[in-house]
Every structure is written in structure tokens, then in C-alpha cells.
C-alpha atoms as a PDB file:
ATOM      1  CA  ALA A   1     104.235  80.508 113.021  1.00  0.00           C
ATOM      2  CA  SER A   2     103.839  81.271 116.733  1.00  0.00           C
ATOM      3  CA  ILE A   3     100.076  81.824 116.415  1.00  0.00           C
ATOM      4  CA  PRO A   4      97.922  78.657 116.442  1.00  0.00           C
ATOM      5  CA  ALA A   5      95.709  78.004 113.426  1.00  0.00           C
ATOM      6  CA  GLY A   6      92.178  79.335 113.765  1.00  0.00           C
ATOM      7  CA  SER A   7      93.186  82.123 116.151  1.00  0.00           C
ATOM      8  CA  ILE A   8      92.162  85.773 115.802  1.00  0.00           C
ATOM      9  CA  TYR A   9      95.060  88.211 115.449  1.00  0.00           C
ATOM     10  CA  PHE A  10      94.710  91.961 115.924  1.00  0.00           C
ATOM     11  CA  GLY A  11      97.385  93.900 114.039  1.00  0.00           C
ATOM     12  CA  GLY A  12      98.363  97.306 115.360  1.00  0.00           C
ATOM     13  CA  THR A  13     101.187  98.972 113.421  1.00  0.00           C
ATOM     14  CA  ASP A  14     101.738  99.033 109.662  1.00  0.00           C
ATOM     15  CA  ALA A  15     104.393  96.327 109.952  1.00  0.00           C
ATOM     16  CA  GLY A  16     102.183  94.284 112.271  1.00  0.00           C
ATOM     17  CA  ARG A  17      99.500  94.175 109.596  1.00  0.00           C
ATOM     18  CA  PHE A  18     101.067  94.091 106.165  1.00  0.00           C
ATOM     19  CA  ILE A  19     103.954  91.716 106.898  1.00  0.00           C
ATOM     20  CA  ILE A  20     101.615  89.224 108.567  1.00  0.00           C
ATOM     21  CA  THR A  21      99.081  89.534 105.743  1.00  0.00           C
ATOM     22  CA  ALA A  22     101.763  89.090 103.090  1.00  0.00           C
ATOM     23  CA  LEU A  23     103.156  85.933 104.680  1.00  0.00           C
ATOM     24  CA  GLN A  24      99.826  84.185 105.256  1.00  0.00           C
ATOM     25  CA  LYS A  25      98.823  81.315 103.026  1.00  0.00           C
ATOM     26  CA  SER A  26      95.459  83.039 102.512  1.00  0.00           C
ATOM     27  CA  GLN A  27      94.153  86.038 104.392  1.00  0.00           C
ATOM     28  CA  VAL A  28      90.696  85.626 102.869  1.00  0.00           C
ATOM     29  CA  GLN A  29      90.439  82.010 104.018  1.00  0.00           C
ATOM     30  CA  ALA A  30      92.040  82.830 107.391  1.00  0.00           C
ATOM     31  CA  GLU A  31      94.870  80.401 106.747  1.00  0.00           C
ATOM     32  CA  PRO A  32      96.425  79.979 109.181  1.00  0.00           C
ATOM     33  CA  PHE A  33      94.503  82.596 111.243  1.00  0.00           C
ATOM     34  CA  PHE A  34      92.129  85.554 111.073  1.00  0.00           C
ATOM     35  CA  THR A  35      93.853  88.934 110.658  1.00  0.00           C
ATOM     36  CA  LEU A  36      92.043  92.050 111.854  1.00  0.00           C
ATOM     37  CA  SER A  37      93.256  95.615 112.301  1.00  0.00           C
ATOM     38  CA  GLN A  38      92.514  97.767 115.339  1.00  0.00           C
ATOM     39  CA  GLY A  39      92.956 101.080 113.516  1.00  0.00           C
ATOM     40  CA  PRO A  40      89.910 101.124 111.204  1.00  0.00           C
ATOM     41  CA  LEU A  41      87.443  99.371 113.547  1.00  0.00           C
ATOM     42  CA  PRO A  42      85.250 102.515 113.884  1.00  0.00           C
ATOM     43  CA  ASP A  43      84.979 102.710 110.078  1.00  0.00           C
ATOM     44  CA  ALA A  44      81.677 101.302 108.778  1.00  0.00           C
ATOM     45  CA  MET A  45      83.270 100.247 105.490  1.00  0.00           C
ATOM     46  CA  TYR A  46      85.986  98.287 107.282  1.00  0.00           C
ATOM     47  CA  LEU A  47      83.398  96.452 109.382  1.00  0.00           C
ATOM     48  CA  LYS A  48      81.477  95.645 106.191  1.00  0.00           C
ATOM     49  CA  TYR A  49      84.722  94.315 104.698  1.00  0.00           C
ATOM     50  CA  LEU A  50      85.295  92.101 107.777  1.00  0.00           C
ATOM     51  CA  ARG A  51      81.750  90.746 107.646  1.00  0.00           C
ATOM     52  CA  GLY A  52      82.120  89.941 103.964  1.00  0.00           C
ATOM     53  CA  MET A  53      85.420  88.125 104.468  1.00  0.00           C
ATOM     54  CA  TYR A  54      85.081  86.504 107.899  1.00  0.00           C
ATOM     55  CA  GLY A  55      81.444  86.884 108.939  1.00  0.00           C
ATOM     56  CA  ALA A  56      80.526  83.271 108.212  1.00  0.00           C
ATOM     57  CA  LYS A  57      83.315  81.945 110.472  1.00  0.00           C
ATOM     58  CA  ILE A  58      83.680  84.387 113.381  1.00  0.00           C
ATOM     59  CA  TYR A  59      81.536  87.083 114.925  1.00  0.00           C
ATOM     60  CA  THR A  60      82.269  90.502 113.470  1.00  0.00           C
ATOM     61  CA  PRO A  61      80.463  93.714 114.550  1.00  0.00           C
ATOM     62  CA  THR A  62      77.254  94.635 112.777  1.00  0.00           C
ATOM     63  CA  ASP A  63      76.159  98.171 111.951  1.00  0.00           C
ATOM     64  CA  GLU A  64      73.874  97.947 114.968  1.00  0.00           C
ATOM     65  CA  ASP A  65      76.790  96.903 117.154  1.00  0.00           C
ATOM     66  CA  SER A  66      78.735  99.909 115.929  1.00  0.00           C
ATOM     67  CA  LYS A  67      75.889 102.318 116.636  1.00  0.00           C
ATOM     68  CA  ARG A  68      75.328 100.830 120.088  1.00  0.00           C
ATOM     69  CA  THR A  69      79.040 101.101 120.864  1.00  0.00           C
ATOM     70  CA  LEU A  70      79.050 104.784 119.909  1.00  0.00           C
ATOM     71  CA  GLN A  71      75.957 105.409 122.046  1.00  0.00           C
ATOM     72  CA  ASP A  72      77.473 103.592 125.017  1.00  0.00           C
ATOM     73  CA  TYR A  73      80.685 105.537 124.655  1.00  0.00           C
ATOM     74  CA  SER A  74      78.927 108.902 124.360  1.00  0.00           C
ATOM     75  CA  GLN A  75      76.929 108.158 127.531  1.00  0.00           C
ATOM     76  CA  ASP A  76      80.086 107.144 129.382  1.00  0.00           C
ATOM     77  CA  PHE A  77      81.839 110.236 128.018  1.00  0.00           C
ATOM     78  CA  ALA A  78      79.072 112.493 129.358  1.00  0.00           C
ATOM     79  CA  ARG A  79      79.186 110.795 132.756  1.00  0.00           C
ATOM     80  CA  ARG A  80      82.957 111.162 133.082  1.00  0.00           C
ATOM     81  CA  ARG A  81      82.923 114.730 131.759  1.00  0.00           C
ATOM     82  CA  SER A  82      80.507 115.711 134.522  1.00  0.00           C
ATOM     83  CA  LYS A  83      83.019 114.319 137.021  1.00  0.00           C
ATOM     84  CA  ASN A  84      86.049 115.894 135.289  1.00  0.00           C
ATOM     85  CA  GLN A  85      87.438 112.425 134.512  1.00  0.00           C
ATOM     86  CA  LEU A  86      88.162 112.746 130.783  1.00  0.00           C
ATOM     87  CA  LEU A  87      91.506 111.634 129.409  1.00  0.00           C
ATOM     88  CA  PRO A  88      93.861 114.127 127.728  1.00  0.00           C
ATOM     89  CA  GLY A  89      92.886 114.438 124.077  1.00  0.00           C
ATOM     90  CA  GLU A  90      89.421 112.930 124.637  1.00  0.00           C
ATOM     91  CA  ASP A  91      86.713 115.138 123.150  1.00  0.00           C
ATOM     92  CA  ILE A  92      83.492 114.576 121.210  1.00  0.00           C
ATOM     93  CA  THR A  93      80.485 116.633 120.168  1.00  0.00           C
ATOM     94  CA  VAL A  94      77.001 115.533 119.128  1.00  0.00           C
ATOM     95  CA  GLY A  95      75.573 117.346 116.119  1.00  0.00           C
ATOM     96  CA  ALA A  96      71.974 118.479 115.632  1.00  0.00           C
ATOM     97  CA  ASP A  97      71.380 115.305 113.638  1.00  0.00           C
ATOM     98  CA  GLY A  98      72.520 113.179 116.564  1.00  0.00           C
ATOM     99  CA  GLN A  99      75.759 112.181 114.861  1.00  0.00           C
ATOM    100  CA  ILE A 100      78.820 111.915 117.086  1.00  0.00           C
ATOM    101  CA  GLN A 101      81.825 113.959 116.005  1.00  0.00           C
ATOM    102  CA  PHE A 102      85.267 112.945 117.273  1.00  0.00           C
ATOM    103  CA  ASN A 103      87.413 115.979 118.067  1.00  0.00           C
ATOM    104  CA  GLY A 104      90.225 114.211 119.907  1.00  0.00           C
ATOM    105  CA  GLN A 105      92.414 111.223 119.118  1.00  0.00           C
ATOM    106  CA  MET A 106      91.794 109.659 122.511  1.00  0.00           C
ATOM    107  CA  ALA A 107      88.055 109.513 121.840  1.00  0.00           C
ATOM    108  CA  VAL A 108      88.681 107.484 118.678  1.00  0.00           C
ATOM    109  CA  ILE A 109      91.008 105.178 120.616  1.00  0.00           C
ATOM    110  CA  GLN A 110      88.327 104.519 123.224  1.00  0.00           C
ATOM    111  CA  VAL A 111      85.836 103.482 120.526  1.00  0.00           C
ATOM    112  CA  LYS A 112      88.434 101.170 118.956  1.00  0.00           C
ATOM    113  CA  ALA A 113      88.964  99.604 122.373  1.00  0.00           C
ATOM    114  CA  LEU A 114      85.240  98.966 122.846  1.00  0.00           C
ATOM    115  CA  LEU A 115      84.835  97.376 119.407  1.00  0.00           C
ATOM    116  CA  ALA A 116      87.914  95.199 119.941  1.00  0.00           C
ATOM    117  CA  LYS A 117      86.421  94.015 123.246  1.00  0.00           C
ATOM    118  CA  LEU A 118      83.125  93.234 121.529  1.00  0.00           C
ATOM    119  CA  ILE A 119      84.917  90.966 119.042  1.00  0.00           C
ATOM    120  CA  PHE A 120      86.864  89.397 121.918  1.00  0.00           C
ATOM    121  CA  ASP A 121      83.720  88.736 123.981  1.00  0.00           C
ATOM    122  CA  LYS A 122      81.704  87.402 121.042  1.00  0.00           C
ATOM    123  CA  ASN A 123      84.308  84.811 120.010  1.00  0.00           C
ATOM    124  CA  PRO A 124      84.978  82.859 123.225  1.00  0.00           C
ATOM    125  CA  ASP A 125      85.995  79.720 121.342  1.00  0.00           C
ATOM    126  CA  ARG A 126      88.925  81.409 119.544  1.00  0.00           C
ATOM    127  CA  GLU A 127      92.403  82.155 120.825  1.00  0.00           C
ATOM    128  CA  PHE A 128      93.424  85.806 120.539  1.00  0.00           C
ATOM    129  CA  TYR A 129      96.766  87.473 119.848  1.00  0.00           C
ATOM    130  CA  ILE A 130      97.411  91.174 119.557  1.00  0.00           C
ATOM    131  CA  GLU A 131     100.093  93.623 118.533  1.00  0.00           C
ATOM    132  CA  GLU A 132      99.538  96.851 120.434  1.00  0.00           C
ATOM    133  CA  SER A 133      98.504  99.908 118.471  1.00  0.00           C
ATOM    134  CA  PHE A 134      97.472 102.206 121.306  1.00  0.00           C
ATOM    135  CA  PRO A 135      97.204 100.912 124.886  1.00  0.00           C
ATOM    136  CA  PHE A 136      93.657  99.735 125.639  1.00  0.00           C
ATOM    137  CA  ASP A 137      93.120  99.763 129.409  1.00  0.00           C
ATOM    138  CA  TRP A 138      90.757  96.776 129.406  1.00  0.00           C
ATOM    139  CA  LEU A 139      93.421  94.573 127.785  1.00  0.00           C
ATOM    140  CA  TYR A 140      96.127  94.638 130.447  1.00  0.00           C
ATOM    141  CA  PRO A 141      94.707  92.058 132.888  1.00  0.00           C
ATOM    142  CA  TYR A 142      94.422  89.519 130.037  1.00  0.00           C
ATOM    143  CA  LEU A 143      97.814  90.025 128.370  1.00  0.00           C
ATOM    144  CA  GLU A 144     100.974  87.955 128.508  1.00  0.00           C
ATOM    145  CA  PRO A 145     104.147  88.404 126.414  1.00  0.00           C
ATOM    146  CA  HIS A 146     104.275  86.312 123.248  1.00  0.00           C
ATOM    147  CA  GLY A 147     107.456  87.078 121.336  1.00  0.00           C
ATOM    148  CA  LEU A 148     106.972  90.320 119.421  1.00  0.00           C
ATOM    149  CA  ILE A 149     103.306  90.521 120.405  1.00  0.00           C
ATOM    150  CA  PHE A 150     100.881  89.501 123.174  1.00  0.00           C
ATOM    151  CA  LYS A 151      98.646  86.562 123.843  1.00  0.00           C
ATOM    152  CA  LEU A 152      95.215  87.769 124.937  1.00  0.00           C
ATOM    153  CA  ASN A 153      93.813  85.282 127.460  1.00  0.00           C
ATOM    154  CA  HIS A 154      90.072  84.897 127.943  1.00  0.00           C
ATOM    155  CA  GLN A 155      90.399  85.174 131.727  1.00  0.00           C
ATOM    156  CA  PRO A 156      92.368  87.811 133.645  1.00  0.00           C
ATOM    157  CA  LEU A 157      95.770  86.639 134.846  1.00  0.00           C
ATOM    158  CA  PRO A 158      96.524  87.031 138.561  1.00  0.00           C
ATOM    159  CA  GLY A 159     100.109  87.856 137.582  1.00  0.00           C
ATOM    160  CA  LEU A 160     102.943  87.027 135.194  1.00  0.00           C
ATOM    161  CA  SER A 161     104.807  83.893 136.220  1.00  0.00           C
ATOM    162  CA  ASP A 162     108.587  83.751 136.493  1.00  0.00           C
ATOM    163  CA  LYS A 163     108.586  81.401 133.501  1.00  0.00           C
ATOM    164  CA  ILE A 164     106.680  83.841 131.282  1.00  0.00           C
ATOM    165  CA  VAL A 165     108.890  86.757 132.277  1.00  0.00           C
ATOM    166  CA  GLU A 166     112.127  84.787 131.829  1.00  0.00           C
ATOM    167  CA  GLN A 167     111.050  83.554 128.388  1.00  0.00           C
ATOM    168  CA  ASP A 168     110.270  87.102 127.301  1.00  0.00           C
ATOM    169  CA  HIS A 169     113.563  88.375 128.729  1.00  0.00           C
ATOM    170  CA  ASP A 170     115.601  85.697 126.953  1.00  0.00           C
ATOM    171  CA  TYR A 171     113.674  86.084 123.692  1.00  0.00           C
ATOM    172  CA  TRP A 172     114.437  89.794 123.488  1.00  0.00           C
ATOM    173  CA  ARG A 173     118.078  89.427 124.531  1.00  0.00           C
ATOM    174  CA  SER A 174     118.478  87.004 121.628  1.00  0.00           C
ATOM    175  CA  LEU A 175     116.493  89.171 119.203  1.00  0.00           C
ATOM    176  CA  VAL A 176     118.315  92.407 119.999  1.00  0.00           C
ATOM    177  CA  ARG A 177     121.833  90.935 119.997  1.00  0.00           C
ATOM    178  CA  PRO A 178     122.417  90.891 116.198  1.00  0.00           C
ATOM    179  CA  MET A 179     120.874  94.361 115.828  1.00  0.00           C
ATOM    180  CA  ILE A 180     122.843  96.447 118.328  1.00  0.00           C
ATOM    181  CA  GLY A 181     125.211  93.978 120.014  1.00  0.00           C
ATOM    182  CA  ASP A 182     125.039  92.168 123.337  1.00  0.00           C
ATOM    183  CA  TRP A 183     126.147  94.959 125.678  1.00  0.00           C
ATOM    184  CA  LEU A 184     122.738  95.835 127.179  1.00  0.00           C
ATOM    185  CA  THR A 185     122.131  93.719 130.291  1.00  0.00           C
ATOM    186  CA  ASP A 186     120.025  93.943 133.446  1.00  0.00           C
ATOM    187  CA  ASP A 187     122.667  96.153 135.045  1.00  0.00           C
ATOM    188  CA  THR A 188     123.391  98.520 132.155  1.00  0.00           C
ATOM    189  CA  PRO A 189     122.770 102.093 133.422  1.00  0.00           C
ATOM    190  CA  VAL A 190     120.801 104.709 131.526  1.00  0.00           C
ATOM    191  CA  GLU A 191     124.016 106.696 131.074  1.00  0.00           C
ATOM    192  CA  GLN A 192     125.529 103.878 128.997  1.00  0.00           C
ATOM    193  CA  VAL A 193     122.440 103.596 126.799  1.00  0.00           C
ATOM    194  CA  ALA A 194     122.524 107.373 126.264  1.00  0.00           C
ATOM    195  CA  ALA A 195     126.199 107.232 125.316  1.00  0.00           C
ATOM    196  CA  PHE A 196     125.483 104.429 122.833  1.00  0.00           C
ATOM    197  CA  ALA A 197     122.631 106.412 121.270  1.00  0.00           C
ATOM    198  CA  LYS A 198     124.729 109.559 120.866  1.00  0.00           C
ATOM    199  CA  LYS A 199     127.699 107.713 119.387  1.00  0.00           C
ATOM    200  CA  THR A 200     126.018 105.148 117.148  1.00  0.00           C
ATOM    201  CA  PHE A 201     122.730 106.762 116.103  1.00  0.00           C
ATOM    202  CA  GLY A 202     123.782 110.385 116.528  1.00  0.00           C
ATOM    203  CA  LYS A 203     127.327 110.433 115.148  1.00  0.00           C
ATOM    204  CA  GLN A 204     127.136 107.209 113.113  1.00  0.00           C
ATOM    205  CA  ASP A 205     130.381 106.204 114.831  1.00  0.00           C
ATOM    206  CA  PHE A 206     130.667 102.413 114.607  1.00  0.00           C
ATOM    207  CA  SER A 207     134.025 101.951 116.307  1.00  0.00           C
ATOM    208  CA  GLY A 208     133.674  98.962 118.653  1.00  0.00           C
ATOM    209  CA  PHE A 209     130.131  98.321 117.391  1.00  0.00           C
ATOM    210  CA  THR A 210     129.232  94.610 117.196  1.00  0.00           C
ATOM    211  CA  GLY A 211     125.702  94.888 115.846  1.00  0.00           C
ATOM    212  CA  ASP A 212     124.372  95.381 112.315  1.00  0.00           C
ATOM    213  CA  ARG A 213     125.077  98.750 110.670  1.00  0.00           C
ATOM    214  CA  ARG A 214     122.187  98.165 108.289  1.00  0.00           C
ATOM    215  CA  PHE A 215     119.827  98.146 111.246  1.00  0.00           C
ATOM    216  CA  ILE A 216     121.231 101.405 112.638  1.00  0.00           C
ATOM    217  CA  GLN A 217     120.937 103.047 109.222  1.00  0.00           C
ATOM    218  CA  ASN A 218     117.347 101.938 108.601  1.00  0.00           C
ATOM    219  CA  ALA A 219     114.992 104.242 110.509  1.00  0.00           C
ATOM    220  CA  TYR A 220     111.948 102.113 109.679  1.00  0.00           C
ATOM    221  CA  SER A 221     113.490  99.079 111.360  1.00  0.00           C
ATOM    222  CA  HIS A 222     114.257 101.109 114.497  1.00  0.00           C
ATOM    223  CA  ARG A 223     110.600 101.890 115.035  1.00  0.00           C
ATOM    224  CA  MET A 224     109.342  98.509 113.905  1.00  0.00           C
ATOM    225  CA  PHE A 225     111.187  96.721 116.726  1.00  0.00           C
ATOM    226  CA  SER A 226     111.201  99.460 119.352  1.00  0.00           C
ATOM    227  CA  LYS A 227     107.410  99.731 119.319  1.00  0.00           C
ATOM    228  CA  PRO A 228     106.599  96.147 120.438  1.00  0.00           C
ATOM    229  CA  ARG A 229     109.338  96.207 123.087  1.00  0.00           C
ATOM    230  CA  SER A 230     107.972  99.477 124.440  1.00  0.00           C
ATOM    231  CA  SER A 231     104.502  97.912 124.489  1.00  0.00           C
ATOM    232  CA  LEU A 232     105.783  94.966 126.518  1.00  0.00           C
ATOM    233  CA  ALA A 233     107.474  97.390 128.905  1.00  0.00           C
ATOM    234  CA  GLY A 234     104.090  99.065 129.282  1.00  0.00           C
ATOM    235  CA  LEU A 235     102.562  95.775 130.409  1.00  0.00           C
ATOM    236  CA  TYR A 236     105.248  95.322 133.067  1.00  0.00           C
ATOM    237  CA  ALA A 237     104.741  98.921 134.202  1.00  0.00           C
ATOM    238  CA  TRP A 238     101.001  98.282 134.534  1.00  0.00           C
ATOM    239  CA  ARG A 239     101.661  95.096 136.526  1.00  0.00           C
ATOM    240  CA  MET A 240     104.029  97.102 138.721  1.00  0.00           C
ATOM    241  CA  GLN A 241     101.213  99.519 139.530  1.00  0.00           C
ATOM    242  CA  GLN A 242      98.829  96.665 140.386  1.00  0.00           C
ATOM    243  CA  ALA A 243     101.299  94.755 142.583  1.00  0.00           C
ATOM    244  CA  THR A 244     100.304  94.504 146.234  1.00  0.00           C
ATOM    245  CA  GLY A 245     103.584  93.106 147.572  1.00  0.00           C
ATOM    246  CA  ALA A 246     107.027  94.700 147.547  1.00  0.00           C
ATOM    247  CA  THR A 247     108.690  91.639 145.998  1.00  0.00           C
ATOM    248  CA  GLU A 248     106.292  91.501 143.051  1.00  0.00           C
ATOM    249  CA  LYS A 249     106.479  95.259 142.565  1.00  0.00           C
ATOM    250  CA  ASP A 250     110.287  95.174 142.459  1.00  0.00           C
ATOM    251  CA  ARG A 251     110.213  92.268 139.979  1.00  0.00           C
ATOM    252  CA  MET A 252     107.972  94.194 137.603  1.00  0.00           C
ATOM    253  CA  VAL A 253     110.008  97.396 138.038  1.00  0.00           C
ATOM    254  CA  ARG A 254     113.175  95.583 136.997  1.00  0.00           C
ATOM    255  CA  GLU A 255     111.565  93.963 133.978  1.00  0.00           C
ATOM    256  CA  ALA A 256     109.842  97.160 132.839  1.00  0.00           C
ATOM    257  CA  ASP A 257     113.084  99.098 133.122  1.00  0.00           C
ATOM    258  CA  PHE A 258     115.032  96.480 131.155  1.00  0.00           C
ATOM    259  CA  ALA A 259     112.390  96.407 128.414  1.00  0.00           C
ATOM    260  CA  PHE A 260     112.268 100.210 128.217  1.00  0.00           C
ATOM    261  CA  ARG A 261     116.067 100.439 127.981  1.00  0.00           C
ATOM    262  CA  GLN A 262     116.047  97.918 125.134  1.00  0.00           C
ATOM    263  CA  ALA A 263     113.233  99.753 123.345  1.00  0.00           C
ATOM    264  CA  TRP A 264     115.077 103.055 123.703  1.00  0.00           C
ATOM    265  CA  ALA A 265     118.412 101.588 122.560  1.00  0.00           C
ATOM    266  CA  LEU A 266     116.660 100.224 119.455  1.00  0.00           C
ATOM    267  CA  CYS A 267     115.209 103.644 118.581  1.00  0.00           C
ATOM    268  CA  PRO A 268     116.547 106.586 120.618  1.00  0.00           C
ATOM    269  CA  ASP A 269     114.332 109.098 118.796  1.00  0.00           C
ATOM    270  CA  SER A 270     111.023 107.241 119.172  1.00  0.00           C
ATOM    271  CA  THR A 271     108.609 109.751 120.703  1.00  0.00           C
ATOM    272  CA  GLU A 272     106.344 107.019 122.038  1.00  0.00           C
ATOM    273  CA  THR A 273     109.163 105.038 123.653  1.00  0.00           C
ATOM    274  CA  VAL A 274     110.801 108.130 125.133  1.00  0.00           C
ATOM    275  CA  PHE A 275     107.570 109.537 126.560  1.00  0.00           C
ATOM    276  CA  ARG A 276     106.596 106.194 128.120  1.00  0.00           C
ATOM    277  CA  TYR A 277     110.058 105.626 129.555  1.00  0.00           C
ATOM    278  CA  VAL A 278     110.263 109.164 130.939  1.00  0.00           C
ATOM    279  CA  ALA A 279     106.869 108.707 132.602  1.00  0.00           C
ATOM    280  CA  PHE A 280     108.065 105.430 134.132  1.00  0.00           C
ATOM    281  CA  LEU A 281     111.289 106.998 135.411  1.00  0.00           C
ATOM    282  CA  MET A 282     109.411 109.951 136.893  1.00  0.00           C
ATOM    283  CA  GLU A 283     107.102 107.554 138.718  1.00  0.00           C
ATOM    284  CA  GLN A 284     110.215 105.856 140.115  1.00  0.00           C
ATOM    285  CA  LYS A 285     111.523 109.287 141.188  1.00  0.00           C
ATOM    286  CA  ARG A 286     114.568 108.825 138.941  1.00  0.00           C
ATOM    287  CA  PHE A 287     114.376 112.409 137.759  1.00  0.00           C
ATOM    288  CA  ALA A 288     117.962 112.753 136.523  1.00  0.00           C
ATOM    289  CA  ASP A 289     117.595 109.619 134.381  1.00  0.00           C
ATOM    290  CA  ALA A 290     114.307 110.930 132.957  1.00  0.00           C
ATOM    291  CA  LEU A 291     115.975 114.197 131.943  1.00  0.00           C
ATOM    292  CA  LEU A 292     118.944 112.351 130.411  1.00  0.00           C
ATOM    293  CA  VAL A 293     116.631 110.193 128.273  1.00  0.00           C
ATOM    294  CA  ALA A 294     114.691 113.224 127.028  1.00  0.00           C
ATOM    295  CA  GLU A 295     117.811 115.336 126.391  1.00  0.00           C
ATOM    296  CA  THR A 296     119.521 112.524 124.487  1.00  0.00           C
ATOM    297  CA  ALA A 297     116.451 111.914 122.338  1.00  0.00           C
ATOM    298  CA  ALA A 298     116.177 115.638 121.574  1.00  0.00           C
ATOM    299  CA  GLN A 299     119.765 115.582 120.244  1.00  0.00           C
ATOM    300  CA  MET A 300     119.115 112.888 117.634  1.00  0.00           C
ATOM    301  CA  PRO A 301     119.485 114.154 114.036  1.00  0.00           C
ATOM    302  CA  SER A 302     115.993 113.049 113.000  1.00  0.00           C
ATOM    303  CA  VAL A 303     114.214 115.222 115.586  1.00  0.00           C
ATOM    304  CA  GLN A 304     115.809 118.546 114.791  1.00  0.00           C
ATOM    305  CA  GLY A 305     113.608 121.372 113.562  1.00  0.00           C
ATOM    306  CA  GLN A 306     109.833 121.258 113.940  1.00  0.00           C
ATOM    307  CA  GLU A 307     109.807 117.452 114.151  1.00  0.00           C
ATOM    308  CA  GLY A 308     111.521 117.562 117.516  1.00  0.00           C
ATOM    309  CA  GLN A 309     109.476 120.294 119.186  1.00  0.00           C
ATOM    310  CA  SER A 310     107.494 117.944 121.399  1.00  0.00           C
ATOM    311  CA  MET A 311     110.718 116.308 122.574  1.00  0.00           C
ATOM    312  CA  ARG A 312     112.297 119.675 123.358  1.00  0.00           C
ATOM    313  CA  ASP A 313     109.152 120.705 125.224  1.00  0.00           C
ATOM    314  CA  VAL A 314     109.531 117.677 127.480  1.00  0.00           C
ATOM    315  CA  VAL A 315     113.145 118.624 128.203  1.00  0.00           C
ATOM    316  CA  VAL A 316     112.067 122.139 129.205  1.00  0.00           C
ATOM    317  CA  GLN A 317     109.290 120.810 131.428  1.00  0.00           C
ATOM    318  CA  LEU A 318     111.628 118.353 133.155  1.00  0.00           C
ATOM    319  CA  LYS A 319     114.225 121.058 133.804  1.00  0.00           C
ATOM    320  CA  GLN A 320     111.557 123.325 135.256  1.00  0.00           C
ATOM    321  CA  PHE A 321     110.314 120.495 137.456  1.00  0.00           C
ATOM    322  CA  LEU A 322     113.808 119.692 138.720  1.00  0.00           C
ATOM    323  CA  LYS A 323     114.553 123.371 139.367  1.00  0.00           C
ATOM    324  CA  ALA A 324     111.328 123.772 141.347  1.00  0.00           C
ATOM    325  CA  LYS A 325     112.032 120.575 143.264  1.00  0.00           C
ATOM    326  CA  GLN A 326     115.532 121.724 144.161  1.00  0.00           C
ATOM    327  CA  ALA A 327     114.235 125.113 145.245  1.00  0.00           C
ATOM    328  CA  SER A 328     111.575 123.584 147.484  1.00  0.00           C
ATOM    329  CA  SER A 329     114.107 121.298 149.152  1.00  0.00           C
ATOM    330  CA  GLY A 330     116.775 123.973 149.520  1.00  0.00           C
ATOM    331  CA  GLU A 331     119.212 122.203 147.176  1.00  0.00           C
ATOM    332  CA  LYS A 332     121.710 124.175 145.130  1.00  0.00           C
END
């Protein structure tokens, strides 16, 4: 209901696609809006499906567009590889037949980003809304919070106004309250969030708990709501990095931290949320908080065994970093 009729909506997660599709009056007729998925954009069959369903009403990529996008990406890949500028997990090879083979997840993500931008550029008369799947770098200047998702403006925003930030802040305070209670505020320290995670999610101890036990006991719901809040925190973190003044930087730091704490409280064992929050805390030189977040996440029941290896690896790396830092500064 928050998306105007005739808009183009990019779904990202499973929930962000199937729930929206199920509740539409008609997906085929784009009533009330067009629903596209970021995930399968590089798939020729999916693009054929989009052209068959929506091609008469909006611009959807052709086979030629897809080929050109792959060629453009491979050329850019070669240029950046020669300068040692590739992203972690970004790898492709070109076979003898000229076909591009994706060997890394990040390479696939980059192609998705380019095709999404093509659709965005070719439909200037449509409003766009997006639920983040993977972060696309080109998106950030155009994004503003829109409830669970983002509005994708056609022109870059010079910044996020106080009104936009306050609306997002209030929206999520209200949304989170019935799930986990109303204890998490601007001033709630990481230690308190960690204690809540260990007690409620870890031990299933609901003494003093004012939220909804059904939410705590439904792992799918944890991730479904933690993901979009983590994505919004990512936007604030990006704005923080772009800020030129101390006041604006501090404003974005506070909002990013609040959003990350909410996202983590909603799903303490979310690898994506934990990794993004730890990276943010490390950038803020809050090393002890970063270690506490990683250690708490690694203790959650769902990430024991092989499933939690990546989380435990982060804990080890953070401890090694802190030990080296203490040694270099002469601390005991």
C-alpha cells in the first residue's frame, strides 16, 4: 500500500518477492505496480519472462542488452584487474567460445547491479522502490528510507533530511516494539543488546520479556525483519562515509548505530547483520564492542557446528587484531 500505482518495485529477498506478489491484485497486469526480482536478472529466461509479461508497458532488457552488459562488465573487470582493484569474491573467466564464466559471487552481483541500473535508466517516467538483496554501489546516492524498503529517486540526493531520518527512526521503533519490547533506545549500549540476545534467543528465558514469544521462536521472522533494518543501517553508514562536515557525520553515525543495534536485536545470529555491524564498529574504532557482537553471535544455538564456522573465524581474527594492537601500544 505504500508504493504508488504504476511504480516499479525490485524485490530482493524471498519474503520481499513472494509476499508482495501474493498480495497484489494482479502481478501479470502490474496491479498495483510492476514486481521485478534482482536475483535472476542475469538469467536469459527470466528476462524473456519479464518481456513477455511487462514488455508492452515498461522497458525490460533485451537479449542484446544482456550481452552488451556482460561485455561492458568483462571490459571493466579486465581494467580493474590490471590495477589490482577487484572486489573480494569477484572472478570471471572467458572461455574459448567467448562465453563469460562467473567464478565468484561478487561478479554475478555486479552484473545484477548493471542490469538493474539499465531498467532504472530506461524507465524515467516510473517511480522506483527497492528491497535490498545485495548492496549495489550505484544505488546509494539515490536511496531514501521507505518503511521496510527504499525509495529509489531518479536524481541523487545531497543528503537525508532530518524529516526522512526521524520518520524512519519512529517507524522502526513502532515496528520493533511488539516483536522484542520497547527497551532498545538511542542510548542502549551494545552490552545490553548482547545480554538480551543471550538470555532471550540463547536461553529462551522470557522472564521480564514484553515482546512476542512467537517472534523469538520463529527463525524465519528474525531474518525477514533483520535484513531490511540492516540494509537501512548500511545506507546510513554509506552517508556517514560521504559526509564532509562533523555534524552530518555524527548524525549518520548515530542513526547507523541505532539501526544496526535494532537489526542485531531482531536476529542475533544473522551473519550478514553481524558482519556489517562489526565492520561499522571497527571503522568507529569501537573494537571491544565489535568483539562482543561477534562473540555473542557465535554463542547462539543456531550457529553451532559447521554452520557457525565463519562467525567463529571472525571472533578469532578480532582477538588477534586486539592482541596485536595492545602489543604495539604497550598495553597489558
